[in-house]
Amino acid sequence: MKAVIFDIGNVLIQWDPHLAWLDEMGSREAVAEFLTRIDFPKRNLRADGGEDFADLAAELEDADDQRRLSSYVERYAMTVPHKIEGTWRLLHRLKEQGTPVHAITNWSAETWPVGVGVHPELGEVFGVTVVSGQEKLLKPQPEIFRRLCDRADLSPQNCIFVDDSPRNVDGARAVGMDAIHFTSPQAFEVALTARGLL
């Protein structure tokens, strides 16, 4: 039986880091300038790989930038307010018909518990969940896909992986998984149906 392996951020849960500081800074433009100035995507990826936000903030020269980034974990709940309901409906259809569902997510070990606090179902719905920050591995590294397979007792050939990042989709394919680039719940449903899973 095929198993479906889900990415979470922007597949099941909307994530918008601007929302962490929007109340303080007053506009998305101001937050965007801050995120660009501190190279937030690169620092956030390092956190996803296991580093702490306090250490990442300490590298910054500007005191206000340090303070803002060091407050990210306590503000994190604001960045993940909404589920992507269409994807959740598909996930539950898969589960109801007996398809195993698991997850591999690039997510900080510090912010993952906050995300589960906002969306408790994340901690309940999957058979196996591999969180990059806890493993100190990142998609698309081959080992993170192999770790999921080991823990779920699956071969890569029996996995269908879905992610909104083309790089991660390519990484899954490189270890032998089928993979779907997520663009919308509707397109995902078409892809699952074409594979005979729905």
Protein backbone atom coordinates (compact mmCIF):
# COMPACT_ATOMS: atom_id res chain seq x y z
CA MET A 1 0.00 0.00 0.00
CA LYS A 2 1.20 3.48 -0.85
CA ALA A 3 1.67 6.00 1.98
CA VAL A 4 1.31 9.76 1.55
CA ILE A 5 4.00 11.92 3.18
CA PHE A 6 2.97 15.53 3.80
CA ASP A 7 4.97 18.70 4.10
CA ILE A 8 3.10 20.97 6.55
CA GLY A 9 3.95 24.65 6.08
CA ASN A 10 1.95 26.15 3.20
CA VAL A 11 0.52 22.72 2.40
CA LEU A 12 -1.58 22.12 5.52
CA ILE A 13 -0.93 25.29 7.54
CA GLN A 14 -0.51 28.80 6.17
CA TRP A 15 2.72 30.40 7.41
CA ASP A 16 3.42 34.12 7.15
CA PRO A 17 6.38 35.38 9.21
CA HIS A 18 5.39 39.01 8.60
CA LEU A 19 2.56 38.51 11.09
CA ALA A 20 5.02 38.11 13.98
CA TRP A 21 5.88 41.80 13.90
CA LEU A 22 3.01 43.43 12.05
CA ASP A 23 1.41 44.77 15.25
CA GLU A 24 4.71 46.36 16.35
CA MET A 25 5.96 47.68 13.02
CA GLY A 26 2.65 48.82 11.57
CA SER A 27 2.86 47.68 7.95
CA ARG A 28 3.88 44.67 5.87
CA GLU A 29 6.34 46.92 4.04
CA ALA A 30 8.17 47.78 7.28
CA VAL A 31 8.29 44.12 8.31
CA ALA A 32 9.48 43.09 4.84
CA GLU A 33 12.35 45.58 5.07
CA PHE A 34 13.35 44.14 8.45
CA LEU A 35 13.18 40.56 7.17
CA THR A 36 15.32 41.48 4.17
CA ARG A 37 17.82 43.38 6.31
CA ILE A 38 18.45 40.44 8.64
CA ASP A 39 18.23 37.84 5.81
CA PHE A 40 15.39 36.12 7.64
CA PRO A 41 14.94 33.24 5.15
CA LYS A 42 18.55 32.14 5.65
CA ARG A 43 18.41 32.48 9.44
CA ASN A 44 15.04 30.74 9.62
CA LEU A 45 16.42 27.83 7.60
CA ARG A 46 19.30 27.57 10.06
CA ALA A 47 16.73 27.38 12.85
CA ASP A 48 14.89 24.69 10.90
CA GLY A 49 18.22 22.86 10.90
CA GLY A 50 18.48 22.94 14.69
CA GLU A 51 19.94 26.32 15.68
CA ASP A 52 18.29 28.52 18.35
CA PHE A 53 16.73 31.86 17.46
CA ALA A 54 18.46 33.54 20.45
CA ASP A 55 21.85 32.57 19.00
CA LEU A 56 20.82 33.73 15.53
CA ALA A 57 19.62 37.06 16.96
CA ALA A 58 22.89 37.56 18.86
CA GLU A 59 24.74 37.67 15.52
CA LEU A 60 22.91 40.86 14.50
CA GLU A 61 24.55 44.24 15.06
CA ASP A 62 21.44 46.38 15.56
CA ALA A 63 19.87 46.13 19.02
CA ASP A 64 16.31 46.50 17.74
CA ASP A 65 16.89 43.78 15.15
CA GLN A 66 18.29 41.54 17.87
CA ARG A 67 15.28 42.14 20.10
CA ARG A 68 12.81 41.49 17.33
CA LEU A 69 14.36 38.25 16.15
CA SER A 70 14.86 36.98 19.69
CA SER A 71 11.11 37.50 20.29
CA TYR A 72 10.14 35.35 17.29
CA VAL A 73 9.43 32.16 19.23
CA GLU A 74 7.09 33.89 21.68
CA ARG A 75 5.31 35.59 18.76
CA TYR A 76 5.31 32.54 16.51
CA ALA A 77 1.66 31.60 17.07
CA MET A 78 0.65 34.72 15.15
CA THR A 79 2.41 33.46 12.01
CA VAL A 80 0.35 30.24 11.64
CA PRO A 81 -3.26 31.34 12.18
CA HIS A 82 -5.02 29.30 9.50
CA LYS A 83 -5.33 25.78 8.18
CA ILE A 84 -5.48 25.15 4.44
CA GLU A 85 -8.85 23.46 4.73
CA GLY A 86 -8.92 21.85 1.30
CA THR A 87 -5.72 19.92 1.99
CA TRP A 88 -7.00 18.78 5.37
CA ARG A 89 -10.14 17.40 3.72
CA LEU A 90 -7.98 15.36 1.37
CA LEU A 91 -5.81 14.13 4.25
CA HIS A 92 -8.88 12.93 6.14
CA ARG A 93 -10.26 11.21 3.03
CA LEU A 94 -6.97 9.34 2.70
CA LYS A 95 -7.04 8.30 6.36
CA GLU A 96 -10.68 7.22 6.21
CA GLN A 97 -9.92 4.82 3.36
CA GLY A 98 -6.92 3.39 5.22
CA THR A 99 -4.04 5.15 3.46
CA PRO A 100 -1.13 5.73 5.88
CA VAL A 101 -0.25 9.41 6.26
CA HIS A 102 3.02 10.76 7.67
CA ALA A 103 4.86 14.10 7.63
CA ILE A 104 8.32 15.56 7.04
CA THR A 105 8.58 19.24 7.86
CA ASN A 106 11.35 21.83 7.85
CA TRP A 107 10.36 23.43 11.16
CA SER A 108 12.36 24.75 14.10
CA ALA A 109 12.46 22.60 17.22
CA GLU A 110 11.63 25.76 19.19
CA THR A 111 8.57 26.76 17.18
CA TRP A 112 7.17 23.30 16.46
CA PRO A 113 5.53 22.98 19.92
CA VAL A 114 3.97 26.42 19.41
CA GLY A 115 2.55 25.34 16.06
CA VAL A 116 1.10 22.18 17.59
CA GLY A 117 -0.39 24.32 20.36
CA VAL A 118 -2.21 26.43 17.77
CA HIS A 119 -3.19 23.39 15.67
CA PRO A 120 -3.31 20.36 18.00
CA GLU A 121 -4.29 18.04 15.17
CA LEU A 122 -0.70 18.27 13.88
CA GLY A 123 0.35 16.21 16.87
CA GLU A 124 -2.34 13.60 16.36
CA VAL A 125 -3.08 12.99 12.69
CA PHE A 126 0.17 11.48 11.39
CA GLY A 127 1.62 8.04 11.93
CA VAL A 128 5.20 9.38 11.95
CA THR A 129 6.27 13.03 11.96
CA VAL A 130 9.88 14.00 11.23
CA VAL A 131 10.67 17.59 12.32
CA SER A 132 13.90 18.93 10.84
CA GLY A 133 14.89 21.04 13.84
CA GLN A 134 14.62 18.05 16.15
CA GLU A 135 16.62 15.86 13.76
CA LYS A 136 19.15 18.55 12.77
CA LEU A 137 18.51 17.56 9.17
CA LEU A 138 16.83 19.58 6.43
CA LYS A 139 14.85 18.75 3.34
CA PRO A 140 16.03 18.11 0.67
CA GLN A 141 18.87 16.17 2.35
CA PRO A 142 18.44 12.46 1.49
CA GLU A 143 18.84 11.34 5.11
CA ILE A 144 15.68 13.10 6.31
CA PHE A 145 13.57 11.14 3.80
CA ARG A 146 15.33 7.90 4.76
CA ARG A 147 14.70 8.61 8.44
CA LEU A 148 10.97 8.83 7.81
CA CYS A 149 11.06 5.56 5.90
CA ASP A 150 12.97 3.82 8.70
CA ARG A 151 10.57 5.02 11.40
CA ALA A 152 7.44 4.29 9.37
CA ASP A 153 8.81 0.94 8.09
CA LEU A 154 8.36 2.01 4.48
CA SER A 155 10.39 1.73 1.32
CA PRO A 156 10.78 4.96 -0.67
CA GLN A 157 9.03 3.29 -3.61
CA ASN A 158 5.88 3.01 -1.49
CA CYS A 159 5.82 6.74 -0.62
CA ILE A 160 4.12 9.66 -2.33
CA PHE A 161 5.54 12.92 -0.99
CA VAL A 162 3.88 16.32 -1.34
CA ASP A 163 5.63 19.67 -0.78
CA ASP A 164 5.26 23.26 -1.98
CA SER A 165 9.03 23.51 -2.62
CA PRO A 166 10.26 22.14 -5.96
CA ARG A 167 13.70 21.52 -4.38
CA ASN A 168 12.16 19.28 -1.75
CA VAL A 169 10.08 17.47 -4.36
CA ASP A 170 13.28 16.82 -6.31
CA GLY A 171 14.97 15.62 -3.11
CA ALA A 172 12.22 13.09 -2.47
CA ARG A 173 12.42 11.81 -6.03
CA ALA A 174 16.20 11.45 -5.71
CA VAL A 175 15.74 8.87 -2.93
CA GLY A 176 13.13 6.92 -4.92
CA MET A 177 9.84 8.44 -3.79
CA ASP A 178 7.05 9.56 -6.06
CA ALA A 179 6.47 13.25 -5.37
CA ILE A 180 3.88 15.94 -6.05
CA HIS A 181 4.61 19.67 -6.19
CA PHE A 182 1.82 21.29 -4.17
CA THR A 183 0.23 24.35 -5.75
CA SER A 184 -3.37 24.09 -4.50
CA PRO A 185 -5.67 21.55 -2.84
CA GLN A 186 -7.53 21.18 -6.13
CA ALA A 187 -4.39 20.31 -8.09
CA PHE A 188 -3.29 17.97 -5.30
CA GLU A 189 -6.62 16.15 -5.50
CA VAL A 190 -6.17 15.71 -9.25
CA ALA A 191 -2.66 14.31 -8.70
CA LEU A 192 -3.85 11.86 -6.03
CA THR A 193 -6.77 10.76 -8.20
CA ALA A 194 -4.44 10.17 -11.15
CA ARG A 195 -2.40 7.86 -8.92
CA GLY A 196 -5.49 5.92 -7.86
CA LEU A 197 -5.39 7.10 -4.24
CA LEU A 198 -8.77 8.86 -4.29
